Amino acid sequence: MKKIIYNVWSDLRTPHTSVPDYKRDSFIKYKNQLIDIQKKYAHRCGADYEIFNPPVYDYVNVQFHKLFKFEQLTEYYDKVVYFDVDVIPTTKENVFDQFDFNKICVYDYHVDINDDSYRRNIIHRLKNKQPISPMNRHSKVCAKRAMLLLHDINGNDNICNTGVFAGNKLAAEKLAFSDNIALLDKTLEEAKKDTVYPEEYSKQWVRNNEVYVSFLLEKFNIEFNNIGIQWNYILDDKYKEYSAGAHLIHQVNKDFNETLKHI
């Protein structure tokens, strides 16, 4: 059985809120070490490991490229796993043995709109007519739900994180991501104009791979594996503490030293 773990790396040239200078600098400092850790993990799992450099240099299109590459790789490999470069394996467990690869494997999580600090921030922005970043979790959920409403579907409050993404050819065909791009782009543009959400949300919405994957899973009722927090343990501005119970640490805040010192 042919297996691969891969990532996509681009020297981003277009500014983006997800890649401020301090995160870019941290990537430059730790990139080689992170790649070495992923490579060693792949080899322990009996899998190939590849880094792909897409011919694009903006954050949005790099995120789409990783899913297009996923589809391509399923033509040659029986099991395919994608890691963002900031995903750090800290486990001896073999990811290829954990899930049914005939289904898309991704972490789908609930966004708690009733979280006090989160609500205060959103309410403050709405009152002051301040734009809400499309990378905000709640904004992603709103974009997805607005898109689904155009198809008469009342969506849930979940969103996928594609920092870890896996499956095989059958799973890729069920999702049909690239085949649905025209539908996704058209629906997003319509949702921006015809939405129940304030313009502080909708005017900021842009093409987003996580919104699109979440939309497709719900719209077409695609059965998938929710890999859970252990296989995509996200550390960000809110959650910062390393967990020994996690198999994959997703260092979104780019404070790599806090995790690497435990390895």
C-alpha atoms as a PDB file:
ATOM      1  CA  MET A   1       0.000   0.000   0.000  1.00  0.00           C
ATOM      2  CA  LYS A   2       1.423   3.360  -1.055  1.00  0.00           C
ATOM      3  CA  LYS A   3       1.103   6.151   1.498  1.00  0.00           C
ATOM      4  CA  ILE A   4       2.256   9.748   1.628  1.00  0.00           C
ATOM      5  CA  ILE A   5       2.353  12.691   4.009  1.00  0.00           C
ATOM      6  CA  TYR A   6       2.887  16.018   2.243  1.00  0.00           C
ATOM      7  CA  ASN A   7       2.833  19.730   2.820  1.00  0.00           C
ATOM      8  CA  VAL A   8       2.767  22.841   0.675  1.00  0.00           C
ATOM      9  CA  TRP A   9       5.216  25.680   1.151  1.00  0.00           C
ATOM     10  CA  SER A  10       5.263  29.087  -0.491  1.00  0.00           C
ATOM     11  CA  ASP A  11       7.297  32.190   0.249  1.00  0.00           C
ATOM     12  CA  LEU A  12       4.179  34.320   0.527  1.00  0.00           C
ATOM     13  CA  ARG A  13       4.619  37.715  -1.105  1.00  0.00           C
ATOM     14  CA  THR A  14       1.122  39.121  -0.634  1.00  0.00           C
ATOM     15  CA  PRO A  15       0.307  40.469   2.859  1.00  0.00           C
ATOM     16  CA  HIS A  16      -2.420  38.569   4.710  1.00  0.00           C
ATOM     17  CA  THR A  17      -3.876  38.808   8.213  1.00  0.00           C
ATOM     18  CA  SER A  18      -3.004  35.149   8.848  1.00  0.00           C
ATOM     19  CA  VAL A  19       0.678  35.743   8.174  1.00  0.00           C
ATOM     20  CA  PRO A  20       1.858  38.835  10.094  1.00  0.00           C
ATOM     21  CA  ASP A  21       5.573  39.516  10.315  1.00  0.00           C
ATOM     22  CA  TYR A  22       6.106  37.728  13.627  1.00  0.00           C
ATOM     23  CA  LYS A  23       4.564  34.519  12.241  1.00  0.00           C
ATOM     24  CA  ARG A  24       6.588  34.774   9.035  1.00  0.00           C
ATOM     25  CA  ASP A  25       9.786  35.244  11.056  1.00  0.00           C
ATOM     26  CA  SER A  26       8.964  32.253  13.245  1.00  0.00           C
ATOM     27  CA  PHE A  27       8.386  30.093  10.192  1.00  0.00           C
ATOM     28  CA  ILE A  28      11.746  31.115   8.748  1.00  0.00           C
ATOM     29  CA  LYS A  29      13.483  30.270  12.037  1.00  0.00           C
ATOM     30  CA  TYR A  30      11.862  26.855  12.580  1.00  0.00           C
ATOM     31  CA  LYS A  31      10.910  25.708   9.057  1.00  0.00           C
ATOM     32  CA  ASN A  32      13.716  23.179   8.584  1.00  0.00           C
ATOM     33  CA  GLN A  33      13.226  21.680  12.037  1.00  0.00           C
ATOM     34  CA  LEU A  34       9.475  21.355  11.513  1.00  0.00           C
ATOM     35  CA  ILE A  35       9.930  19.673   8.156  1.00  0.00           C
ATOM     36  CA  ASP A  36      12.499  17.276   9.619  1.00  0.00           C
ATOM     37  CA  ILE A  37      10.052  16.248  12.378  1.00  0.00           C
ATOM     38  CA  GLN A  38       7.272  15.652   9.854  1.00  0.00           C
ATOM     39  CA  LYS A  39       9.591  13.683   7.592  1.00  0.00           C
ATOM     40  CA  LYS A  40      10.737  11.406  10.435  1.00  0.00           C
ATOM     41  CA  TYR A  41       7.122  10.821  11.437  1.00  0.00           C
ATOM     42  CA  ALA A  42       6.164   9.921   7.862  1.00  0.00           C
ATOM     43  CA  HIS A  43       8.995   7.395   7.661  1.00  0.00           C
ATOM     44  CA  ARG A  44       7.928   5.852  10.992  1.00  0.00           C
ATOM     45  CA  CYS A  45       4.480   5.442   9.440  1.00  0.00           C
ATOM     46  CA  GLY A  46       5.985   3.735   6.382  1.00  0.00           C
ATOM     47  CA  ALA A  47       4.990   6.632   4.142  1.00  0.00           C
ATOM     48  CA  ASP A  48       6.653   8.864   1.599  1.00  0.00           C
ATOM     49  CA  TYR A  49       7.103  12.532   2.432  1.00  0.00           C
ATOM     50  CA  GLU A  50       7.040  15.426  -0.009  1.00  0.00           C
ATOM     51  CA  ILE A  51       7.077  19.232   0.090  1.00  0.00           C
ATOM     52  CA  PHE A  52       5.395  20.930  -2.831  1.00  0.00           C
ATOM     53  CA  ASN A  53       6.082  24.515  -3.893  1.00  0.00           C
ATOM     54  CA  PRO A  54       3.044  25.873  -5.745  1.00  0.00           C
ATOM     55  CA  PRO A  55       3.413  28.555  -8.429  1.00  0.00           C
ATOM     56  CA  VAL A  56       1.346  30.955  -6.310  1.00  0.00           C
ATOM     57  CA  TYR A  57       2.451  33.387  -3.620  1.00  0.00           C
ATOM     58  CA  ASP A  58      -0.713  34.565  -1.889  1.00  0.00           C
ATOM     59  CA  TYR A  59      -2.200  32.905   1.185  1.00  0.00           C
ATOM     60  CA  VAL A  60      -5.662  32.178  -0.236  1.00  0.00           C
ATOM     61  CA  ASN A  61      -4.460  30.378  -3.348  1.00  0.00           C
ATOM     62  CA  VAL A  62      -1.819  28.405  -1.445  1.00  0.00           C
ATOM     63  CA  GLN A  63      -4.611  27.073   0.782  1.00  0.00           C
ATOM     64  CA  PHE A  64      -6.572  26.010  -2.287  1.00  0.00           C
ATOM     65  CA  HIS A  65      -3.509  24.461  -3.882  1.00  0.00           C
ATOM     66  CA  LYS A  66      -3.087  22.009  -1.011  1.00  0.00           C
ATOM     67  CA  LEU A  67      -6.553  20.576  -1.745  1.00  0.00           C
ATOM     68  CA  PHE A  68      -5.940  20.411  -5.476  1.00  0.00           C
ATOM     69  CA  LYS A  69      -2.672  18.582  -4.744  1.00  0.00           C
ATOM     70  CA  PHE A  70      -4.590  16.215  -2.464  1.00  0.00           C
ATOM     71  CA  GLU A  71      -6.811  15.202  -5.376  1.00  0.00           C
ATOM     72  CA  GLN A  72      -3.784  14.673  -7.626  1.00  0.00           C
ATOM     73  CA  LEU A  73      -1.929  12.544  -5.093  1.00  0.00           C
ATOM     74  CA  THR A  74      -4.894  10.217  -4.575  1.00  0.00           C
ATOM     75  CA  GLU A  75      -4.384   9.133  -8.185  1.00  0.00           C
ATOM     76  CA  TYR A  76      -1.005   7.640  -7.244  1.00  0.00           C
ATOM     77  CA  TYR A  77      -1.257   6.804  -3.542  1.00  0.00           C
ATOM     78  CA  ASP A  78      -3.677   4.565  -1.645  1.00  0.00           C
ATOM     79  CA  LYS A  79      -3.687   6.846   1.414  1.00  0.00           C
ATOM     80  CA  VAL A  80      -2.865  10.560   1.430  1.00  0.00           C
ATOM     81  CA  VAL A  81      -2.331  12.813   4.464  1.00  0.00           C
ATOM     82  CA  TYR A  82      -1.742  16.572   4.357  1.00  0.00           C
ATOM     83  CA  PHE A  83      -0.062  18.516   7.189  1.00  0.00           C
ATOM     84  CA  ASP A  84       0.298  22.277   7.340  1.00  0.00           C
ATOM     85  CA  VAL A  85       3.953  23.090   7.973  1.00  0.00           C
ATOM     86  CA  ASP A  86       3.015  24.234  11.494  1.00  0.00           C
ATOM     87  CA  VAL A  87       1.593  20.803  12.383  1.00  0.00           C
ATOM     88  CA  ILE A  88       3.959  18.983  14.767  1.00  0.00           C
ATOM     89  CA  PRO A  89       3.598  15.197  15.241  1.00  0.00           C
ATOM     90  CA  THR A  90       4.203  14.312  18.893  1.00  0.00           C
ATOM     91  CA  THR A  91       2.930  10.730  18.839  1.00  0.00           C
ATOM     92  CA  LYS A  92       4.040   7.186  18.113  1.00  0.00           C
ATOM     93  CA  GLU A  93       0.565   6.371  16.786  1.00  0.00           C
ATOM     94  CA  ASN A  94       0.328   5.815  13.032  1.00  0.00           C
ATOM     95  CA  VAL A  95      -2.214   8.209  11.520  1.00  0.00           C
ATOM     96  CA  PHE A  96      -2.782   5.827   8.603  1.00  0.00           C
ATOM     97  CA  ASP A  97      -4.154   3.184  10.995  1.00  0.00           C
ATOM     98  CA  GLN A  98      -6.640   5.473  12.754  1.00  0.00           C
ATOM     99  CA  PHE A  99      -9.358   6.262  10.214  1.00  0.00           C
ATOM    100  CA  ASP A 100     -11.342   4.965   7.260  1.00  0.00           C
ATOM    101  CA  PHE A 101      -9.580   6.640   4.335  1.00  0.00           C
ATOM    102  CA  ASN A 102     -12.564   5.984   2.066  1.00  0.00           C
ATOM    103  CA  LYS A 103     -14.025   9.069   3.741  1.00  0.00           C
ATOM    104  CA  ILE A 104     -12.559  12.562   4.018  1.00  0.00           C
ATOM    105  CA  CYS A 105     -10.689  12.867   7.322  1.00  0.00           C
ATOM    106  CA  VAL A 106     -10.759  16.368   8.806  1.00  0.00           C
ATOM    107  CA  TYR A 107     -11.297  18.109  12.145  1.00  0.00           C
ATOM    108  CA  ASP A 108     -14.781  19.609  12.239  1.00  0.00           C
ATOM    109  CA  TYR A 109     -15.381  21.685  15.358  1.00  0.00           C
ATOM    110  CA  HIS A 110     -18.177  23.691  16.935  1.00  0.00           C
ATOM    111  CA  VAL A 111     -17.827  27.471  17.165  1.00  0.00           C
ATOM    112  CA  ASP A 112     -19.324  28.669  20.434  1.00  0.00           C
ATOM    113  CA  ILE A 113     -20.994  31.981  19.652  1.00  0.00           C
ATOM    114  CA  ASN A 114     -21.963  32.291  23.322  1.00  0.00           C
ATOM    115  CA  ASP A 115     -18.373  32.477  24.560  1.00  0.00           C
ATOM    116  CA  ASP A 116     -18.337  35.693  26.631  1.00  0.00           C
ATOM    117  CA  SER A 117     -15.034  37.188  25.486  1.00  0.00           C
ATOM    118  CA  TYR A 118     -15.789  36.290  21.898  1.00  0.00           C
ATOM    119  CA  ARG A 119     -19.271  37.800  21.991  1.00  0.00           C
ATOM    120  CA  ARG A 120     -18.002  41.014  23.582  1.00  0.00           C
ATOM    121  CA  ASN A 121     -15.463  41.434  20.817  1.00  0.00           C
ATOM    122  CA  ILE A 122     -18.008  40.814  18.068  1.00  0.00           C
ATOM    123  CA  ILE A 123     -20.639  43.085  19.652  1.00  0.00           C
ATOM    124  CA  HIS A 124     -18.059  45.848  20.064  1.00  0.00           C
ATOM    125  CA  ARG A 125     -17.118  45.606  16.392  1.00  0.00           C
ATOM    126  CA  LEU A 126     -20.711  45.563  15.214  1.00  0.00           C
ATOM    127  CA  LYS A 127     -21.644  48.584  17.341  1.00  0.00           C
ATOM    128  CA  ASN A 128     -18.697  50.537  15.990  1.00  0.00           C
ATOM    129  CA  LYS A 129     -19.228  49.399  12.398  1.00  0.00           C
ATOM    130  CA  GLN A 130     -15.803  47.764  12.370  1.00  0.00           C
ATOM    131  CA  PRO A 131     -15.144  45.004   9.833  1.00  0.00           C
ATOM    132  CA  ILE A 132     -14.849  41.435  11.113  1.00  0.00           C
ATOM    133  CA  SER A 133     -11.948  39.487   9.631  1.00  0.00           C
ATOM    134  CA  PRO A 134     -12.998  36.695   7.268  1.00  0.00           C
ATOM    135  CA  MET A 135     -10.409  34.521   9.071  1.00  0.00           C
ATOM    136  CA  ASN A 136     -12.412  34.870  12.287  1.00  0.00           C
ATOM    137  CA  ARG A 137     -13.989  31.506  13.170  1.00  0.00           C
ATOM    138  CA  HIS A 138     -17.442  32.948  13.586  1.00  0.00           C
ATOM    139  CA  SER A 139     -17.192  34.824  10.305  1.00  0.00           C
ATOM    140  CA  LYS A 140     -16.319  31.558   8.550  1.00  0.00           C
ATOM    141  CA  VAL A 141     -19.362  29.879  10.075  1.00  0.00           C
ATOM    142  CA  CYS A 142     -21.562  32.803   9.006  1.00  0.00           C
ATOM    143  CA  ALA A 143     -20.220  32.659   5.446  1.00  0.00           C
ATOM    144  CA  LYS A 144     -20.857  28.921   5.245  1.00  0.00           C
ATOM    145  CA  ARG A 145     -24.364  29.240   6.684  1.00  0.00           C
ATOM    146  CA  ALA A 146     -25.215  32.128   4.337  1.00  0.00           C
ATOM    147  CA  MET A 147     -24.095  29.988   1.392  1.00  0.00           C
ATOM    148  CA  LEU A 148     -26.164  27.027   2.579  1.00  0.00           C
ATOM    149  CA  LEU A 149     -29.263  29.193   3.047  1.00  0.00           C
ATOM    150  CA  LEU A 150     -29.177  29.927  -0.674  1.00  0.00           C
ATOM    151  CA  HIS A 151     -29.660  26.183  -1.138  1.00  0.00           C
ATOM    152  CA  ASP A 152     -32.447  26.036   1.470  1.00  0.00           C
ATOM    153  CA  ILE A 153     -30.229  24.386   4.078  1.00  0.00           C
ATOM    154  CA  ASN A 154     -30.052  25.617   7.667  1.00  0.00           C
ATOM    155  CA  GLY A 155     -26.415  24.878   8.439  1.00  0.00           C
ATOM    156  CA  ASN A 156     -24.842  24.074  11.785  1.00  0.00           C
ATOM    157  CA  ASP A 157     -22.302  26.113  13.740  1.00  0.00           C
ATOM    158  CA  ASN A 158     -19.337  23.914  12.829  1.00  0.00           C
ATOM    159  CA  ILE A 159     -16.353  24.671  10.609  1.00  0.00           C
ATOM    160  CA  CYS A 160     -13.557  22.451   9.364  1.00  0.00           C
ATOM    161  CA  ASN A 161      -9.873  23.111   9.936  1.00  0.00           C
ATOM    162  CA  THR A 162      -7.865  21.804   6.988  1.00  0.00           C
ATOM    163  CA  GLY A 163      -4.453  21.956   8.687  1.00  0.00           C
ATOM    164  CA  VAL A 164      -4.693  18.161   8.744  1.00  0.00           C
ATOM    165  CA  PHE A 165      -6.559  16.588   5.837  1.00  0.00           C
ATOM    166  CA  ALA A 166      -6.624  12.993   4.652  1.00  0.00           C
ATOM    167  CA  GLY A 167      -8.351  10.406   2.485  1.00  0.00           C
ATOM    168  CA  ASN A 168      -8.005   8.357  -0.671  1.00  0.00           C
ATOM    169  CA  LYS A 169      -9.264   8.525  -4.251  1.00  0.00           C
ATOM    170  CA  LEU A 170     -12.796   7.482  -3.299  1.00  0.00           C
ATOM    171  CA  ALA A 171     -12.930  10.171  -0.594  1.00  0.00           C
ATOM    172  CA  ALA A 172     -11.613  12.809  -3.004  1.00  0.00           C
ATOM    173  CA  GLU A 173     -14.231  11.856  -5.584  1.00  0.00           C
ATOM    174  CA  LYS A 174     -17.037  12.147  -3.013  1.00  0.00           C
ATOM    175  CA  LEU A 175     -15.922  15.657  -2.054  1.00  0.00           C
ATOM    176  CA  ALA A 176     -15.193  16.658  -5.676  1.00  0.00           C
ATOM    177  CA  PHE A 177     -13.584  19.883  -4.510  1.00  0.00           C
ATOM    178  CA  SER A 178     -12.093  21.083  -7.795  1.00  0.00           C
ATOM    179  CA  ASP A 179     -15.200  20.059  -9.767  1.00  0.00           C
ATOM    180  CA  ASN A 180     -17.325  22.244  -7.495  1.00  0.00           C
ATOM    181  CA  ILE A 181     -15.179  25.400  -7.544  1.00  0.00           C
ATOM    182  CA  ALA A 182     -17.490  27.242  -9.952  1.00  0.00           C
ATOM    183  CA  LEU A 183     -20.505  26.449  -7.760  1.00  0.00           C
ATOM    184  CA  LEU A 184     -18.641  27.497  -4.623  1.00  0.00           C
ATOM    185  CA  ASP A 185     -17.425  30.807  -6.025  1.00  0.00           C
ATOM    186  CA  LYS A 186     -20.862  31.647  -7.432  1.00  0.00           C
ATOM    187  CA  THR A 187     -22.613  30.795  -4.163  1.00  0.00           C
ATOM    188  CA  LEU A 188     -20.185  32.865  -2.094  1.00  0.00           C
ATOM    189  CA  GLU A 189     -20.690  35.925  -4.283  1.00  0.00           C
ATOM    190  CA  GLU A 190     -24.462  35.551  -4.056  1.00  0.00           C
ATOM    191  CA  ALA A 191     -24.235  35.106  -0.269  1.00  0.00           C
ATOM    192  CA  LYS A 192     -22.286  38.358   0.065  1.00  0.00           C
ATOM    193  CA  LYS A 193     -25.168  40.222  -1.586  1.00  0.00           C
ATOM    194  CA  ASP A 194     -28.102  38.279  -0.178  1.00  0.00           C
ATOM    195  CA  THR A 195     -27.384  37.557   3.463  1.00  0.00           C
ATOM    196  CA  VAL A 196     -29.055  37.831   6.849  1.00  0.00           C
ATOM    197  CA  TYR A 197     -25.708  38.772   8.387  1.00  0.00           C
ATOM    198  CA  PRO A 198     -24.489  42.361   8.929  1.00  0.00           C
ATOM    199  CA  GLU A 199     -22.257  43.813   6.247  1.00  0.00           C
ATOM    200  CA  GLU A 200     -19.421  43.967   8.812  1.00  0.00           C
ATOM    201  CA  TYR A 201     -19.311  40.213   8.171  1.00  0.00           C
ATOM    202  CA  SER A 202     -20.397  39.774   4.576  1.00  0.00           C
ATOM    203  CA  LYS A 203     -18.357  42.540   2.925  1.00  0.00           C
ATOM    204  CA  GLN A 204     -15.175  40.918   4.214  1.00  0.00           C
ATOM    205  CA  TRP A 205     -15.896  37.396   2.998  1.00  0.00           C
ATOM    206  CA  VAL A 206     -13.394  35.989   0.536  1.00  0.00           C
ATOM    207  CA  ARG A 207     -12.803  32.594  -1.031  1.00  0.00           C
ATOM    208  CA  ASN A 208     -11.778  30.278   1.781  1.00  0.00           C
ATOM    209  CA  ASN A 209     -10.894  26.593   1.547  1.00  0.00           C
ATOM    210  CA  GLU A 210     -12.273  25.772   5.017  1.00  0.00           C
ATOM    211  CA  VAL A 211     -15.592  27.491   4.337  1.00  0.00           C
ATOM    212  CA  TYR A 212     -15.817  25.686   1.012  1.00  0.00           C
ATOM    213  CA  VAL A 213     -14.999  22.219   2.392  1.00  0.00           C
ATOM    214  CA  SER A 214     -17.490  22.686   5.234  1.00  0.00           C
ATOM    215  CA  PHE A 215     -20.152  23.862   2.764  1.00  0.00           C
ATOM    216  CA  LEU A 216     -19.670  20.830   0.509  1.00  0.00           C
ATOM    217  CA  LEU A 217     -19.834  18.334   3.374  1.00  0.00           C
ATOM    218  CA  GLU A 218     -23.145  19.800   4.552  1.00  0.00           C
ATOM    219  CA  LYS A 219     -24.769  20.583   1.221  1.00  0.00           C
ATOM    220  CA  PHE A 220     -24.214  17.113  -0.219  1.00  0.00           C
ATOM    221  CA  ASN A 221     -24.516  15.341   3.151  1.00  0.00           C
ATOM    222  CA  ILE A 222     -21.137  13.712   2.646  1.00  0.00           C
ATOM    223  CA  GLU A 223     -20.194  11.210   5.339  1.00  0.00           C
ATOM    224  CA  PHE A 224     -16.740  12.011   6.706  1.00  0.00           C
ATOM    225  CA  ASN A 225     -14.413  11.184   9.592  1.00  0.00           C
ATOM    226  CA  ASN A 226     -14.171  13.902  12.213  1.00  0.00           C
ATOM    227  CA  ILE A 227     -10.600  13.209  13.359  1.00  0.00           C
ATOM    228  CA  GLY A 228     -11.161  15.166  16.565  1.00  0.00           C
ATOM    229  CA  ILE A 229      -9.050  17.554  18.559  1.00  0.00           C
ATOM    230  CA  GLN A 230      -6.357  14.970  19.358  1.00  0.00           C
ATOM    231  CA  TRP A 231      -5.353  14.777  15.688  1.00  0.00           C
ATOM    232  CA  ASN A 232      -5.484  18.532  15.143  1.00  0.00           C
ATOM    233  CA  TYR A 233      -4.831  20.185  18.491  1.00  0.00           C
ATOM    234  CA  ILE A 234      -4.923  23.879  17.643  1.00  0.00           C
ATOM    235  CA  LEU A 235      -2.832  26.286  19.696  1.00  0.00           C
ATOM    236  CA  ASP A 236      -3.681  29.905  18.965  1.00  0.00           C
ATOM    237  CA  ASP A 237      -4.214  33.219  20.750  1.00  0.00           C
ATOM    238  CA  LYS A 238      -6.896  31.662  22.957  1.00  0.00           C
ATOM    239  CA  TYR A 239      -5.562  28.150  23.594  1.00  0.00           C
ATOM    240  CA  LYS A 240      -1.822  28.183  24.259  1.00  0.00           C
ATOM    241  CA  GLU A 241      -0.978  25.197  26.463  1.00  0.00           C
ATOM    242  CA  TYR A 242       0.727  22.104  25.091  1.00  0.00           C
ATOM    243  CA  SER A 243      -1.136  18.827  25.701  1.00  0.00           C
ATOM    244  CA  ALA A 244       0.639  15.497  26.054  1.00  0.00           C
ATOM    245  CA  GLY A 245      -2.633  13.827  25.086  1.00  0.00           C
ATOM    246  CA  ALA A 246      -2.571  15.249  21.553  1.00  0.00           C
ATOM    247  CA  HIS A 247      -1.092  13.338  18.628  1.00  0.00           C
ATOM    248  CA  LEU A 248      -0.644  16.351  16.346  1.00  0.00           C
ATOM    249  CA  ILE A 249      -0.025  19.867  17.665  1.00  0.00           C
ATOM    250  CA  HIS A 250      -1.205  22.522  15.228  1.00  0.00           C
ATOM    251  CA  GLN A 251       0.850  25.570  16.211  1.00  0.00           C
ATOM    252  CA  VAL A 252      -1.331  28.281  14.672  1.00  0.00           C
ATOM    253  CA  ASN A 253       0.194  30.894  16.994  1.00  0.00           C
ATOM    254  CA  LYS A 254       3.667  29.942  15.660  1.00  0.00           C
ATOM    255  CA  ASP A 255       5.117  29.756  19.181  1.00  0.00           C
ATOM    256  CA  PHE A 256       6.975  26.617  18.131  1.00  0.00           C
ATOM    257  CA  ASN A 257       9.444  26.601  20.986  1.00  0.00           C
ATOM    258  CA  GLU A 258       6.650  25.940  23.483  1.00  0.00           C
ATOM    259  CA  THR A 259       5.904  22.620  21.779  1.00  0.00           C
ATOM    260  CA  LEU A 260       9.378  21.659  20.567  1.00  0.00           C
ATOM    261  CA  LYS A 261      10.773  21.763  24.083  1.00  0.00           C
ATOM    262  CA  HIS A 262       8.452  18.836  24.952  1.00  0.00           C
ATOM    263  CA  ILE A 263       9.699  16.621  22.109  1.00  0.00           C
END
